Amino acid sequence: MARRVSSELFVSRLSFYITTGELEKLFSPFGLIEQVRLVKDPRTQRPKGFGFVKYAREIDAKNALKAMNGRVVNSRLIFVELAKTTNPAETSS
């Protein structure tokens, strides 16, 4: 069975001061973005330094991954990888 490639990227080592708008602007040249999420500290509401970018098309996610992984953004080396998705059928026992 062929493995489906995700259209969602996991982006880590981001600045703790980045906004969703800035993250979207960074990744928008590669295609139509459906959703941008930054994981935030529940107490301070500041970003924890990682987030997710979901593209409408898998090919756009692949292109963004190739172009952005290892790039320096706001003086920080960021890492980009395909987001791992969990299959509810596999997690239930």
C-alpha atoms as a PDB file:
ATOM      1  CA  MET A   1       0.000   0.000   0.000  1.00  0.00           C
ATOM      2  CA  ALA A   2       1.387   3.418  -0.968  1.00  0.00           C
ATOM      3  CA  ARG A   3       2.011   5.845   1.874  1.00  0.00           C
ATOM      4  CA  ARG A   4       0.158   9.129   1.507  1.00  0.00           C
ATOM      5  CA  VAL A   5       2.349  12.208   1.810  1.00  0.00           C
ATOM      6  CA  SER A   6       1.042  14.821   4.197  1.00  0.00           C
ATOM      7  CA  SER A   7       0.247  18.355   3.112  1.00  0.00           C
ATOM      8  CA  GLU A   8       0.958  19.591   6.655  1.00  0.00           C
ATOM      9  CA  LEU A   9       4.410  20.668   7.791  1.00  0.00           C
ATOM     10  CA  PHE A  10       5.853  20.771  11.291  1.00  0.00           C
ATOM     11  CA  VAL A  11       8.139  23.795  11.767  1.00  0.00           C
ATOM     12  CA  SER A  12      10.449  23.902  14.789  1.00  0.00           C
ATOM     13  CA  ARG A  13      13.071  26.193  16.345  1.00  0.00           C
ATOM     14  CA  LEU A  14      11.029  29.296  15.541  1.00  0.00           C
ATOM     15  CA  SER A  15      11.424  32.564  17.395  1.00  0.00           C
ATOM     16  CA  PHE A  16       9.327  32.792  20.561  1.00  0.00           C
ATOM     17  CA  TYR A  17       8.024  36.116  19.217  1.00  0.00           C
ATOM     18  CA  ILE A  18       6.872  35.022  15.734  1.00  0.00           C
ATOM     19  CA  THR A  19       3.221  35.562  14.800  1.00  0.00           C
ATOM     20  CA  THR A  20       0.945  33.376  12.710  1.00  0.00           C
ATOM     21  CA  GLY A  21       0.908  36.144  10.104  1.00  0.00           C
ATOM     22  CA  GLU A  22       4.703  36.143   9.852  1.00  0.00           C
ATOM     23  CA  LEU A  23       4.794  32.347   9.595  1.00  0.00           C
ATOM     24  CA  GLU A  24       2.151  32.404   6.868  1.00  0.00           C
ATOM     25  CA  LYS A  25       4.070  35.098   4.961  1.00  0.00           C
ATOM     26  CA  LEU A  26       7.254  32.977   5.125  1.00  0.00           C
ATOM     27  CA  PHE A  27       5.549  29.906   3.658  1.00  0.00           C
ATOM     28  CA  SER A  28       2.987  31.482   1.292  1.00  0.00           C
ATOM     29  CA  PRO A  29       5.319  31.740  -1.747  1.00  0.00           C
ATOM     30  CA  PHE A  30       5.112  27.948  -2.117  1.00  0.00           C
ATOM     31  CA  GLY A  31       1.356  27.607  -2.553  1.00  0.00           C
ATOM     32  CA  LEU A  32      -2.104  28.058  -1.103  1.00  0.00           C
ATOM     33  CA  ILE A  33      -2.051  27.686   2.670  1.00  0.00           C
ATOM     34  CA  GLU A  34      -5.151  26.300   4.361  1.00  0.00           C
ATOM     35  CA  GLN A  35      -4.075  26.765   7.970  1.00  0.00           C
ATOM     36  CA  VAL A  36      -1.222  28.101  10.104  1.00  0.00           C
ATOM     37  CA  ARG A  37      -1.020  27.169  13.801  1.00  0.00           C
ATOM     38  CA  LEU A  38       1.512  28.209  16.408  1.00  0.00           C
ATOM     39  CA  VAL A  39       1.644  26.187  19.601  1.00  0.00           C
ATOM     40  CA  LYS A  40       1.448  28.630  22.511  1.00  0.00           C
ATOM     41  CA  ASP A  41       2.148  28.469  26.216  1.00  0.00           C
ATOM     42  CA  PRO A  42      -1.284  28.402  27.905  1.00  0.00           C
ATOM     43  CA  ARG A  43      -0.162  30.709  30.702  1.00  0.00           C
ATOM     44  CA  THR A  44       1.742  33.400  28.783  1.00  0.00           C
ATOM     45  CA  GLN A  45       0.145  32.946  25.326  1.00  0.00           C
ATOM     46  CA  ARG A  46       3.620  33.280  23.773  1.00  0.00           C
ATOM     47  CA  PRO A  47       4.621  30.837  21.040  1.00  0.00           C
ATOM     48  CA  LYS A  48       6.613  27.818  22.224  1.00  0.00           C
ATOM     49  CA  GLY A  49       8.856  27.915  19.155  1.00  0.00           C
ATOM     50  CA  PHE A  50       7.080  25.468  16.891  1.00  0.00           C
ATOM     51  CA  GLY A  51       3.993  25.302  14.731  1.00  0.00           C
ATOM     52  CA  PHE A  52       2.244  23.801  11.735  1.00  0.00           C
ATOM     53  CA  VAL A  53       1.593  24.965   8.181  1.00  0.00           C
ATOM     54  CA  LYS A  54      -1.049  23.115   6.168  1.00  0.00           C
ATOM     55  CA  TYR A  55      -1.126  23.446   2.385  1.00  0.00           C
ATOM     56  CA  ALA A  56      -4.013  22.744   0.032  1.00  0.00           C
ATOM     57  CA  ARG A  57      -1.746  20.546  -2.134  1.00  0.00           C
ATOM     58  CA  GLU A  58       0.885  17.996  -1.159  1.00  0.00           C
ATOM     59  CA  ILE A  59       3.289  19.173  -3.878  1.00  0.00           C
ATOM     60  CA  ASP A  60       3.301  22.674  -2.369  1.00  0.00           C
ATOM     61  CA  ALA A  61       4.156  21.211   1.050  1.00  0.00           C
ATOM     62  CA  LYS A  62       7.028  19.235  -0.497  1.00  0.00           C
ATOM     63  CA  ASN A  63       8.394  22.332  -2.241  1.00  0.00           C
ATOM     64  CA  ALA A  64       8.191  24.386   0.964  1.00  0.00           C
ATOM     65  CA  LEU A  65       9.916  21.598   2.893  1.00  0.00           C
ATOM     66  CA  LYS A  66      12.827  21.521   0.455  1.00  0.00           C
ATOM     67  CA  ALA A  67      13.199  25.307   0.368  1.00  0.00           C
ATOM     68  CA  MET A  68      12.679  26.151   4.046  1.00  0.00           C
ATOM     69  CA  ASN A  69      14.309  23.310   5.991  1.00  0.00           C
ATOM     70  CA  GLY A  70      17.593  24.543   7.422  1.00  0.00           C
ATOM     71  CA  ARG A  71      16.920  28.184   6.559  1.00  0.00           C
ATOM     72  CA  VAL A  72      17.815  30.989   8.965  1.00  0.00           C
ATOM     73  CA  VAL A  73      14.741  33.015   9.990  1.00  0.00           C
ATOM     74  CA  ASN A  74      15.047  35.842  12.524  1.00  0.00           C
ATOM     75  CA  SER A  75      18.610  34.711  13.333  1.00  0.00           C
ATOM     76  CA  ARG A  76      17.400  31.174  14.107  1.00  0.00           C
ATOM     77  CA  LEU A  77      18.036  27.999  12.106  1.00  0.00           C
ATOM     78  CA  ILE A  78      14.600  26.458  11.570  1.00  0.00           C
ATOM     79  CA  PHE A  79      13.747  22.835  10.841  1.00  0.00           C
ATOM     80  CA  VAL A  80      10.826  21.789   8.662  1.00  0.00           C
ATOM     81  CA  GLU A  81       9.473  18.265   8.318  1.00  0.00           C
ATOM     82  CA  LEU A  82       6.257  16.557   7.311  1.00  0.00           C
ATOM     83  CA  ALA A  83       3.817  16.543  10.220  1.00  0.00           C
ATOM     84  CA  LYS A  84       3.181  13.090  11.558  1.00  0.00           C
ATOM     85  CA  THR A  85      -0.482  12.173  11.388  1.00  0.00           C
ATOM     86  CA  THR A  86      -2.032   9.532  13.576  1.00  0.00           C
ATOM     87  CA  ASN A  87      -4.631   7.131  12.315  1.00  0.00           C
ATOM     88  CA  PRO A  88      -7.436   6.803  14.923  1.00  0.00           C
ATOM     89  CA  ALA A  89      -7.865   3.116  13.956  1.00  0.00           C
ATOM     90  CA  GLU A  90      -4.230   2.431  14.897  1.00  0.00           C
ATOM     91  CA  THR A  91      -4.359   4.202  18.271  1.00  0.00           C
ATOM     92  CA  SER A  92      -7.547   2.646  19.628  1.00  0.00           C
ATOM     93  CA  SER A  93      -7.214  -0.710  21.366  1.00  0.00           C
END
